[in-house]
């Protein structure tokens, strides 16, 4: 179980780095309140990448928390009282 969680966190972190790199390509996307015309496909792509980034961040955070809890519980059960 712990190995699978570690692999999940490693894959999620790699995906997060990749998505962050891709979002750097959309750094010129203007905010919605701007009066200048903007290309819709770039705004939608940036929105989808940001959404995917937040989802992967949540998966990595939950996986990391699960690793900490499993490690803490296993150390706690092994410790003599």
C-alpha atoms as a PDB file:
ATOM      1  CA  UNK A   1       0.000   0.000   0.000  1.00  0.00           C
ATOM      2  CA  UNK A   2       2.756   2.399   0.952  1.00  0.00           C
ATOM      3  CA  UNK A   3       4.684   1.710  -2.261  1.00  0.00           C
ATOM      4  CA  UNK A   4       1.623   2.485  -4.366  1.00  0.00           C
ATOM      5  CA  UNK A   5       1.088   5.759  -2.535  1.00  0.00           C
ATOM      6  CA  UNK A   6       4.706   6.741  -3.056  1.00  0.00           C
ATOM      7  CA  UNK A   7       4.395   5.988  -6.775  1.00  0.00           C
ATOM      8  CA  UNK A   8       1.151   7.977  -6.909  1.00  0.00           C
ATOM      9  CA  UNK A   9       2.781  10.989  -5.247  1.00  0.00           C
ATOM     10  CA  UNK A  10       5.840  10.759  -7.515  1.00  0.00           C
ATOM     11  CA  UNK A  11       3.714  10.542 -10.661  1.00  0.00           C
ATOM     12  CA  UNK A  12       1.474  13.359  -9.456  1.00  0.00           C
ATOM     13  CA  UNK A  13       4.444  15.580  -8.711  1.00  0.00           C
ATOM     14  CA  UNK A  14       5.887  14.906 -12.156  1.00  0.00           C
ATOM     15  CA  UNK A  15       2.532  15.724 -13.745  1.00  0.00           C
ATOM     16  CA  UNK A  16       2.287  18.883 -11.647  1.00  0.00           C
ATOM     17  CA  UNK A  17       5.703  20.033 -12.832  1.00  0.00           C
ATOM     18  CA  UNK A  18       4.721  19.325 -16.444  1.00  0.00           C
ATOM     19  CA  UNK A  19       1.458  21.237 -16.137  1.00  0.00           C
ATOM     20  CA  UNK A  20       3.221  24.165 -14.496  1.00  0.00           C
ATOM     21  CA  UNK A  21       5.710  24.243 -17.357  1.00  0.00           C
ATOM     22  CA  UNK A  22       2.873  24.209 -19.906  1.00  0.00           C
ATOM     23  CA  UNK A  23       1.089  27.021 -18.075  1.00  0.00           C
ATOM     24  CA  UNK A  24       4.195  29.170 -18.489  1.00  0.00           C
ATOM     25  CA  UNK A  25       3.422  29.135 -22.224  1.00  0.00           C
ATOM     26  CA  UNK A  26       0.051  30.793 -21.499  1.00  0.00           C
ATOM     27  CA  UNK A  27       1.441  33.565 -19.324  1.00  0.00           C
ATOM     28  CA  UNK A  28       0.152  36.253 -21.697  1.00  0.00           C
ATOM     29  CA  UNK A  29      -3.529  35.301 -21.271  1.00  0.00           C
ATOM     30  CA  UNK A  30      -5.393  38.412 -20.212  1.00  0.00           C
ATOM     31  CA  UNK A  31      -7.863  38.551 -17.323  1.00  0.00           C
ATOM     32  CA  UNK A  32     -11.584  38.566 -18.092  1.00  0.00           C
ATOM     33  CA  UNK A  33     -11.973  42.242 -17.153  1.00  0.00           C
ATOM     34  CA  UNK A  34      -9.561  43.323 -19.886  1.00  0.00           C
ATOM     35  CA  UNK A  35     -11.013  45.316 -22.786  1.00  0.00           C
ATOM     36  CA  UNK A  36      -8.444  44.029 -25.271  1.00  0.00           C
ATOM     37  CA  UNK A  37      -9.532  41.174 -27.538  1.00  0.00           C
ATOM     38  CA  UNK A  38      -8.144  37.809 -26.549  1.00  0.00           C
ATOM     39  CA  UNK A  39      -8.111  34.498 -28.299  1.00  0.00           C
ATOM     40  CA  UNK A  40     -10.738  32.255 -26.749  1.00  0.00           C
ATOM     41  CA  UNK A  41      -8.905  28.990 -27.310  1.00  0.00           C
ATOM     42  CA  UNK A  42      -5.868  30.222 -25.342  1.00  0.00           C
ATOM     43  CA  UNK A  43      -8.083  31.287 -22.445  1.00  0.00           C
ATOM     44  CA  UNK A  44      -9.919  27.943 -22.440  1.00  0.00           C
ATOM     45  CA  UNK A  45      -6.672  25.973 -22.663  1.00  0.00           C
ATOM     46  CA  UNK A  46      -5.201  27.931 -19.767  1.00  0.00           C
ATOM     47  CA  UNK A  47      -8.388  27.320 -17.757  1.00  0.00           C
ATOM     48  CA  UNK A  48      -8.268  23.564 -18.424  1.00  0.00           C
ATOM     49  CA  UNK A  49      -4.575  23.365 -17.542  1.00  0.00           C
ATOM     50  CA  UNK A  50      -5.160  25.290 -14.323  1.00  0.00           C
ATOM     51  CA  UNK A  51      -8.061  23.019 -13.419  1.00  0.00           C
ATOM     52  CA  UNK A  52      -5.939  19.927 -14.059  1.00  0.00           C
ATOM     53  CA  UNK A  53      -3.150  21.466 -12.000  1.00  0.00           C
ATOM     54  CA  UNK A  54      -5.439  21.973  -8.997  1.00  0.00           C
ATOM     55  CA  UNK A  55      -6.816  18.436  -9.266  1.00  0.00           C
ATOM     56  CA  UNK A  56      -3.316  16.922  -9.395  1.00  0.00           C
ATOM     57  CA  UNK A  57      -2.264  19.126  -6.482  1.00  0.00           C
ATOM     58  CA  UNK A  58      -5.170  17.739  -4.445  1.00  0.00           C
ATOM     59  CA  UNK A  59      -4.211  14.165  -5.316  1.00  0.00           C
ATOM     60  CA  UNK A  60      -0.592  14.783  -4.318  1.00  0.00           C
ATOM     61  CA  UNK A  61      -1.650  16.436  -1.052  1.00  0.00           C
ATOM     62  CA  UNK A  62      -3.990  13.581  -0.139  1.00  0.00           C
ATOM     63  CA  UNK A  63      -1.403  10.977  -1.097  1.00  0.00           C
ATOM     64  CA  UNK A  64       1.284  12.704   0.957  1.00  0.00           C
ATOM     65  CA  UNK A  65      -1.052  12.938   3.927  1.00  0.00           C
ATOM     66  CA  UNK A  66      -1.874   9.238   3.627  1.00  0.00           C
ATOM     67  CA  UNK A  67       1.836   8.374   3.551  1.00  0.00           C
ATOM     68  CA  UNK A  68       2.443  10.404   6.707  1.00  0.00           C
ATOM     69  CA  UNK A  69      -0.508   8.804   8.506  1.00  0.00           C
ATOM     70  CA  UNK A  70       0.466   5.258   7.487  1.00  0.00           C
ATOM     71  CA  UNK A  71       4.073   5.814   8.513  1.00  0.00           C
ATOM     72  CA  UNK A  72       3.056   7.368  11.827  1.00  0.00           C
ATOM     73  CA  UNK A  73       0.656   4.536  12.607  1.00  0.00           C
ATOM     74  CA  UNK A  74       3.175   1.828  11.737  1.00  0.00           C
ATOM     75  CA  UNK A  75       5.861   3.431  13.936  1.00  0.00           C
ATOM     76  CA  UNK A  76       3.365   3.894  16.726  1.00  0.00           C
ATOM     77  CA  UNK A  77       2.241   0.255  16.688  1.00  0.00           C
ATOM     78  CA  UNK A  78       5.816  -1.027  16.674  1.00  0.00           C
ATOM     79  CA  UNK A  79       7.015   1.157  19.566  1.00  0.00           C
ATOM     80  CA  UNK A  80       7.132  -0.602  22.944  1.00  0.00           C
ATOM     81  CA  UNK A  81       4.959   0.908  25.637  1.00  0.00           C
END
